[in-house]
Amino acid sequence: MTTWTELHPSATEHERVNDMAFVAGECWTVSSAGFIRRTSSSGTKTQTIARGMTALHLRCLAMQRDGSTGWVGVLTRNEGARLPRMLRYTRGNGWTPVSNLPTDLNYGICGLRFAGDQQQTLFATGTYQETVRPAIWRCRLERPNDWESLPIQADIRELCLTQLIDMHFWTDKEGIAVGGGLGRDRLYRPVMLRTDNGGDRWRMVDLPDLGPTTKASDPRGRYAWKVFFVDDSVGFVSISNYAGARDRKAFILATTDAGRTWEPLPIRGAVSYTTNLRGVGFVRDGRGWTSGHLQRLVETDDGGATWRVADSPIRDANRFLFHEGDVYVAGNGLYRGT
């Protein structure tokens, strides 16, 4: 059984801590209410770095391990507003808007991930906005002010991507991006793109059929939300399901071969909490967790065969991170599980 400790709460009832990164023993977080914080891993000290930038929904975070530089991806509350889509941190200068982004970055950024352990290349993806076509951008950090928009091939475009939300990289060459799209059959479904050459080319990954979903006339449906890998081979992707009462089925996708093939992992038990999944996390002993939007945490201790509602204050868990033997959760606050 996992014991959860709250390291810092949300500032308001509606704030969600969206993402986190560890730097020199401190956990940096960004939130939907415009907060950037850093908290000691013990939770004894929390410093608010940016307080309540209420027009900015801070969605994702990437920090270099030495803490010298960092980036935050932003969703704006007003699509037409002249507000920053990305913030950059440099030690000594704090957080400043990034102004020279590609023109197709016209709404916001959902995911930021370094490619490879050397942290020499940073990728961004977005957006979570069905009226705007998603894209993938790349920055080679020897030129930290230069971002380039990467082409997504015609065969992918024909599937009408509607979201690209999260990413994972194994090396500086190999990685995936996940989200959702509208297929030729006019049904919404999860989408995964893979690159094996550092982002120069992306291809579709075959995903299992999760059954009927909603028609194009209804903007709700299934799409992939967050990626979590236990090691280089074993990983999971949470599936958000907006089909509502018509379809109460909940799934996670699982791989044991570094993302080359995927199998559906149904969430059995506590279904009312989990159809619209957010974050997902597992550890090697078979324990795992996920959470529905604004809903309570659910857990498994048998690798996902069965699930139950956890005895935990955690709700709306959006990101899981394993660090120095403990699992950390960003949701309605920041939590550590031991």
Protein backbone atom coordinates (compact mmCIF):
# COMPACT_ATOMS: atom_id res chain seq x y z
CA MET A 1 0.00 0.00 0.00
CA THR A 2 1.25 3.45 -0.93
CA THR A 3 1.31 6.26 1.66
CA TRP A 4 0.77 9.72 0.17
CA THR A 5 2.16 12.97 1.61
CA GLU A 6 1.01 16.38 0.40
CA LEU A 7 4.06 18.53 -0.40
CA HIS A 8 2.09 21.61 -1.38
CA PRO A 9 -1.64 22.17 -1.96
CA SER A 10 -3.33 23.94 -4.83
CA ALA A 11 -3.82 27.65 -4.24
CA THR A 12 -7.49 27.51 -5.23
CA GLU A 13 -10.17 24.88 -5.59
CA HIS A 14 -9.89 24.96 -9.37
CA GLU A 15 -6.09 25.05 -9.73
CA ARG A 16 -4.40 21.95 -11.15
CA VAL A 17 -0.68 21.33 -10.91
CA ASN A 18 0.02 20.23 -14.49
CA ASP A 19 3.65 19.21 -14.73
CA MET A 20 6.89 18.87 -12.77
CA ALA A 21 10.64 18.42 -13.09
CA PHE A 22 13.41 17.74 -10.55
CA VAL A 23 16.42 20.04 -10.26
CA ALA A 24 19.07 19.52 -7.55
CA GLY A 25 16.69 17.82 -5.12
CA GLU A 26 13.85 20.26 -5.66
CA CYS A 27 10.63 19.60 -7.55
CA TRP A 28 9.64 22.47 -9.86
CA THR A 29 5.93 22.61 -10.82
CA VAL A 30 3.66 24.65 -13.09
CA SER A 31 -0.09 25.04 -12.72
CA SER A 32 -3.28 25.99 -14.53
CA ALA A 33 -3.58 29.11 -12.34
CA GLY A 34 -0.29 30.58 -13.54
CA PHE A 35 1.93 29.46 -10.62
CA ILE A 36 5.53 28.26 -10.90
CA ARG A 37 6.83 26.73 -7.66
CA ARG A 38 9.78 24.75 -6.41
CA THR A 39 9.47 22.44 -3.44
CA SER A 40 12.03 20.38 -1.54
CA SER A 41 11.56 16.64 -2.01
CA SER A 42 10.70 16.40 1.69
CA GLY A 43 8.03 19.07 1.33
CA THR A 44 9.51 21.17 4.11
CA LYS A 45 10.05 24.21 1.88
CA THR A 46 8.03 25.60 -1.03
CA GLN A 47 8.98 28.76 -2.89
CA THR A 48 6.56 30.44 -5.30
CA ILE A 49 8.60 31.76 -8.22
CA ALA A 50 5.76 33.17 -10.33
CA ARG A 51 2.49 33.93 -8.60
CA GLY A 52 -0.90 33.76 -10.24
CA MET A 53 -0.32 34.81 -13.87
CA THR A 54 -4.07 34.32 -14.21
CA ALA A 55 -4.28 34.86 -17.98
CA LEU A 56 -1.80 32.03 -18.55
CA HIS A 57 -2.57 28.34 -18.20
CA LEU A 58 0.91 26.88 -17.59
CA ARG A 59 0.63 23.40 -19.07
CA CYS A 60 4.10 21.81 -19.32
CA LEU A 61 7.64 22.19 -18.02
CA ALA A 62 11.18 21.21 -19.04
CA MET A 63 14.24 22.03 -16.90
CA GLN A 64 17.91 21.31 -17.53
CA ARG A 65 19.31 19.17 -14.73
CA ASP A 66 21.73 21.83 -13.51
CA GLY A 67 18.87 24.32 -13.15
CA SER A 68 20.47 26.89 -15.44
CA THR A 69 17.68 26.98 -18.03
CA GLY A 70 14.05 25.97 -18.27
CA TRP A 71 10.96 26.30 -20.43
CA VAL A 72 7.22 26.43 -19.75
CA GLY A 73 4.55 25.79 -22.37
CA VAL A 74 1.47 27.99 -22.10
CA LEU A 75 -2.17 27.65 -23.07
CA THR A 76 -3.87 31.03 -23.27
CA ARG A 77 -7.41 31.53 -22.05
CA ASN A 78 -8.17 33.72 -25.08
CA GLU A 79 -7.05 32.30 -28.41
CA GLY A 80 -6.77 35.73 -29.98
CA ALA A 81 -4.96 37.40 -27.08
CA ARG A 82 -1.42 38.63 -27.56
CA LEU A 83 -0.03 36.53 -24.75
CA PRO A 84 3.13 34.40 -24.64
CA ARG A 85 2.95 30.77 -25.76
CA MET A 86 6.21 29.89 -24.04
CA LEU A 87 8.32 31.19 -21.15
CA ARG A 88 12.09 30.65 -20.79
CA TYR A 89 14.06 30.66 -17.56
CA THR A 90 17.72 31.56 -17.28
CA ARG A 91 19.52 31.67 -13.96
CA GLY A 92 19.89 35.27 -12.89
CA ASN A 93 17.24 36.60 -15.26
CA GLY A 94 14.16 34.65 -14.20
CA TRP A 95 11.26 33.87 -16.56
CA THR A 96 10.76 35.83 -19.78
CA PRO A 97 8.47 35.29 -22.81
CA VAL A 98 9.90 33.53 -25.86
CA SER A 99 9.13 35.79 -28.79
CA ASN A 100 10.52 34.09 -31.90
CA LEU A 101 8.30 31.02 -32.13
CA PRO A 102 7.11 29.54 -35.45
CA THR A 103 3.99 31.13 -36.89
CA ASP A 104 2.04 27.85 -36.75
CA LEU A 105 2.32 27.90 -32.96
CA ASN A 106 -0.89 29.87 -32.79
CA TYR A 107 -2.63 28.66 -29.66
CA GLY A 108 -0.45 26.95 -27.11
CA ILE A 109 1.90 24.17 -26.08
CA CYS A 110 0.82 20.97 -24.33
CA GLY A 111 4.09 19.03 -24.11
CA LEU A 112 7.81 19.77 -23.65
CA ARG A 113 10.41 17.00 -23.64
CA PHE A 114 14.18 16.71 -23.99
CA ALA A 115 15.45 14.10 -26.43
CA GLY A 116 18.19 11.95 -24.90
CA ASP A 117 20.17 12.13 -21.68
CA GLN A 118 22.43 14.91 -22.93
CA GLN A 119 19.47 17.34 -23.08
CA GLN A 120 20.80 18.97 -26.24
CA THR A 121 17.48 19.02 -28.12
CA LEU A 122 14.09 20.12 -26.82
CA PHE A 123 10.76 19.25 -28.48
CA ALA A 124 7.41 20.97 -28.02
CA THR A 125 4.00 19.81 -29.16
CA GLY A 126 0.48 21.15 -29.22
CA THR A 127 -2.20 21.87 -29.14
CA TYR A 128 -5.26 20.90 -27.12
CA GLN A 129 -7.66 22.92 -29.26
CA GLU A 130 -9.79 21.16 -31.83
CA THR A 131 -10.13 24.17 -34.16
CA VAL A 132 -6.33 24.47 -34.59
CA ARG A 133 -4.14 21.92 -36.34
CA PRO A 134 -1.47 20.50 -34.01
CA ALA A 135 2.23 20.61 -34.75
CA ILE A 136 5.65 19.59 -33.41
CA TRP A 137 8.53 22.01 -32.89
CA ARG A 138 12.24 21.48 -32.18
CA CYS A 139 14.99 23.58 -30.62
CA ARG A 140 18.66 22.58 -30.73
CA LEU A 141 20.04 24.12 -27.57
CA GLU A 142 23.31 25.32 -29.06
CA ARG A 143 20.90 27.91 -30.57
CA PRO A 144 18.38 28.26 -27.72
CA ASN A 145 16.41 31.05 -29.39
CA ASP A 146 15.78 29.18 -32.64
CA TRP A 147 12.66 27.01 -32.89
CA GLU A 148 11.70 25.17 -36.06
CA SER A 149 8.37 23.66 -37.05
CA LEU A 150 8.72 20.03 -38.12
CA PRO A 151 6.78 18.67 -41.09
CA ILE A 152 4.04 16.13 -40.45
CA GLN A 153 3.62 13.96 -43.54
CA ALA A 154 0.59 14.03 -45.79
CA ASP A 155 -0.58 10.55 -44.80
CA ILE A 156 -0.79 11.74 -41.20
CA ARG A 157 -2.46 15.02 -42.11
CA GLU A 158 -5.17 13.13 -43.98
CA LEU A 159 -6.22 11.62 -40.65
CA CYS A 160 -7.02 15.15 -39.47
CA LEU A 161 -5.05 15.35 -36.23
CA THR A 162 -6.91 17.38 -33.64
CA GLN A 163 -4.57 17.17 -30.63
CA LEU A 164 -0.95 16.42 -29.83
CA ILE A 165 -0.59 16.41 -26.07
CA ASP A 166 2.45 14.56 -24.71
CA MET A 167 5.79 13.04 -25.77
CA HIS A 168 8.45 10.56 -24.69
CA PHE A 169 12.00 10.11 -25.98
CA TRP A 170 14.32 7.15 -25.47
CA THR A 171 17.32 8.72 -27.22
CA ASP A 172 18.12 11.86 -29.17
CA LYS A 173 16.72 10.05 -32.23
CA GLU A 174 13.82 7.87 -31.02
CA GLY A 175 10.60 9.22 -29.56
CA ILE A 176 6.81 9.33 -29.72
CA ALA A 177 4.11 12.00 -29.61
CA VAL A 178 0.52 11.18 -28.62
CA GLY A 179 -2.86 12.82 -29.02
CA GLY A 180 -5.98 12.30 -31.07
CA GLY A 181 -7.50 12.70 -34.48
CA LEU A 182 -10.48 12.24 -36.72
CA GLY A 183 -10.21 9.20 -38.97
CA ARG A 184 -11.48 8.69 -42.48
CA ASP A 185 -14.47 6.91 -40.97
CA ARG A 186 -15.34 10.18 -39.18
CA LEU A 187 -14.67 8.69 -35.75
CA TYR A 188 -12.38 10.15 -33.12
CA ARG A 189 -9.56 7.91 -31.88
CA PRO A 190 -6.17 8.01 -30.15
CA VAL A 191 -3.14 8.80 -32.31
CA MET A 192 0.57 8.06 -31.80
CA LEU A 193 3.41 9.34 -33.99
CA ARG A 194 6.95 7.96 -33.87
CA THR A 195 10.28 9.32 -35.04
CA ASP A 196 13.53 7.37 -35.42
CA ASN A 197 15.63 10.21 -36.82
CA GLY A 198 15.38 13.01 -34.29
CA GLY A 199 12.09 14.45 -35.51
CA ASP A 200 12.88 14.94 -39.21
CA ARG A 201 10.16 12.46 -40.09
CA TRP A 202 7.16 11.12 -38.13
CA ARG A 203 5.06 8.06 -38.90
CA MET A 204 1.83 6.63 -37.52
CA VAL A 205 2.04 3.83 -34.94
CA ASP A 206 -0.63 1.15 -35.18
CA LEU A 207 -2.78 1.22 -32.03
CA PRO A 208 -5.39 -1.36 -30.95
CA ASP A 209 -9.02 -0.78 -31.78
CA LEU A 210 -10.76 0.27 -28.56
CA GLY A 211 -14.24 -0.16 -29.98
CA PRO A 212 -16.86 2.30 -31.26
CA THR A 213 -16.46 5.93 -30.33
CA THR A 214 -18.28 9.17 -31.11
CA LYS A 215 -19.13 10.61 -34.50
CA ALA A 216 -17.54 13.74 -35.89
CA SER A 217 -20.72 15.70 -35.17
CA ASP A 218 -19.90 15.27 -31.47
CA PRO A 219 -16.45 16.73 -30.63
CA ARG A 220 -16.02 14.31 -27.76
CA GLY A 221 -14.23 11.01 -28.20
CA ARG A 222 -11.11 9.10 -27.19
CA TYR A 223 -7.58 10.42 -27.43
CA ALA A 224 -4.21 9.69 -25.85
CA TRP A 225 -3.30 12.01 -22.97
CA LYS A 226 -0.12 11.14 -21.02
CA VAL A 227 2.87 8.83 -21.49
CA PHE A 228 4.74 7.06 -18.67
CA PHE A 229 7.64 4.59 -19.01
CA VAL A 230 8.83 2.39 -16.15
CA ASP A 231 12.03 1.59 -18.06
CA ASP A 232 13.18 1.62 -21.67
CA SER A 233 10.81 -1.22 -22.60
CA VAL A 234 7.71 -1.06 -20.40
CA GLY A 235 5.40 1.90 -20.81
CA PHE A 236 1.82 3.12 -20.61
CA VAL A 237 -0.39 5.73 -22.26
CA SER A 238 -3.61 7.00 -20.67
CA ILE A 239 -6.69 7.33 -22.87
CA SER A 240 -9.19 10.12 -22.27
CA ASN A 241 -12.75 9.22 -23.17
CA TYR A 242 -15.21 12.08 -23.60
CA ALA A 243 -18.01 9.88 -24.88
CA GLY A 244 -19.83 10.34 -21.57
CA ALA A 245 -22.64 8.10 -20.38
CA ARG A 246 -22.95 6.42 -23.77
CA ASP A 247 -19.54 4.78 -23.38
CA ARG A 248 -18.21 4.14 -19.88
CA LYS A 249 -15.25 2.05 -20.99
CA ALA A 250 -11.82 3.17 -19.78
CA PHE A 251 -8.45 2.06 -21.14
CA ILE A 252 -4.73 2.43 -20.75
CA LEU A 253 -2.41 1.32 -23.56
CA ALA A 254 0.58 -0.81 -22.51
CA THR A 255 3.81 -1.80 -24.26
CA THR A 256 6.66 -4.15 -23.34
CA ASP A 257 8.80 -3.59 -26.45
CA ALA A 258 9.70 0.11 -26.24
CA GLY A 259 6.55 1.33 -27.90
CA ARG A 260 6.70 -0.73 -31.08
CA THR A 261 3.44 -2.54 -30.26
CA TRP A 262 0.64 -1.68 -27.84
CA GLU A 263 -2.13 -3.62 -26.11
CA PRO A 264 -5.26 -2.27 -24.39
CA LEU A 265 -5.40 -2.51 -20.60
CA PRO A 266 -9.04 -2.05 -19.49
CA ILE A 267 -9.75 -0.29 -16.21
CA ARG A 268 -12.05 -2.69 -14.37
CA GLY A 269 -13.68 -1.43 -11.20
CA ALA A 270 -14.22 2.20 -10.13
CA VAL A 271 -15.16 2.96 -13.74
CA SER A 272 -17.13 6.09 -12.92
CA TYR A 273 -13.89 7.69 -11.80
CA THR A 274 -11.76 6.79 -14.75
CA THR A 275 -13.40 7.12 -18.18
CA ASN A 276 -11.77 10.48 -18.88
CA LEU A 277 -8.22 9.59 -17.85
CA ARG A 278 -5.47 12.09 -17.17
CA GLY A 279 -2.07 11.00 -15.86
CA VAL A 280 -0.83 7.41 -15.48
CA GLY A 281 2.06 5.95 -13.50
CA PHE A 282 3.45 2.52 -12.62
CA VAL A 283 6.37 1.09 -10.68
CA ARG A 284 8.19 -2.23 -11.17
CA ASP A 285 6.37 -4.14 -8.42
CA GLY A 286 3.04 -3.93 -10.28
CA ARG A 287 1.58 -0.93 -8.48
CA GLY A 288 -0.01 1.67 -10.72
CA TRP A 289 -2.28 4.72 -10.60
CA THR A 290 -4.46 6.86 -12.79
CA SER A 291 -7.19 9.44 -12.35
CA GLY A 292 -10.13 10.84 -14.25
CA HIS A 293 -10.59 14.54 -14.86
CA LEU A 294 -11.47 16.15 -11.49
CA GLN A 295 -11.91 12.66 -10.04
CA ARG A 296 -10.26 10.56 -7.34
CA LEU A 297 -7.13 8.49 -7.77
CA VAL A 298 -7.57 4.80 -8.62
CA GLU A 299 -4.87 2.18 -8.06
CA THR A 300 -3.80 -1.34 -8.92
CA ASP A 301 -1.30 -3.66 -7.27
CA ASP A 302 -1.39 -6.44 -9.86
CA GLY A 303 -0.09 -4.67 -12.94
CA GLY A 304 -3.48 -3.35 -14.01
CA ALA A 305 -5.58 -6.55 -13.90
CA THR A 306 -7.87 -5.03 -11.26
CA TRP A 307 -8.41 -1.50 -9.96
CA ARG A 308 -9.96 0.19 -6.92
CA VAL A 309 -10.48 3.73 -5.66
CA ALA A 310 -7.43 4.72 -3.61
CA ASP A 311 -7.58 5.92 -0.01
CA SER A 312 -5.94 9.17 -1.01
CA PRO A 313 -6.69 12.92 -1.16
CA ILE A 314 -5.34 13.07 -4.73
CA ARG A 315 -7.69 14.14 -7.51
CA ASP A 316 -7.22 15.15 -11.13
CA ALA A 317 -3.74 13.57 -11.31
CA ASN A 318 -2.13 14.91 -14.49
CA ARG A 319 1.50 13.80 -14.24
CA PHE A 320 3.38 11.00 -12.44
CA LEU A 321 7.15 11.04 -11.98
CA PHE A 322 9.43 8.46 -10.34
CA HIS A 323 12.38 10.02 -8.50
CA GLU A 324 14.91 8.42 -6.13
CA GLY A 325 12.63 5.56 -5.13
CA ASP A 326 9.44 7.57 -4.62
CA VAL A 327 6.55 8.39 -6.93
CA TYR A 328 5.40 12.01 -7.28
CA VAL A 329 1.98 13.13 -8.50
CA ALA A 330 0.91 16.51 -9.85
CA GLY A 331 -2.83 17.11 -9.61
CA ASN A 332 -4.85 19.00 -6.99
CA GLY A 333 -1.49 19.79 -5.42
CA LEU A 334 1.89 18.04 -5.37
CA TYR A 335 2.14 14.65 -3.59
CA ARG A 336 4.86 12.10 -2.80
CA GLY A 337 4.08 8.41 -2.51
CA THR A 338 6.24 6.02 -0.49
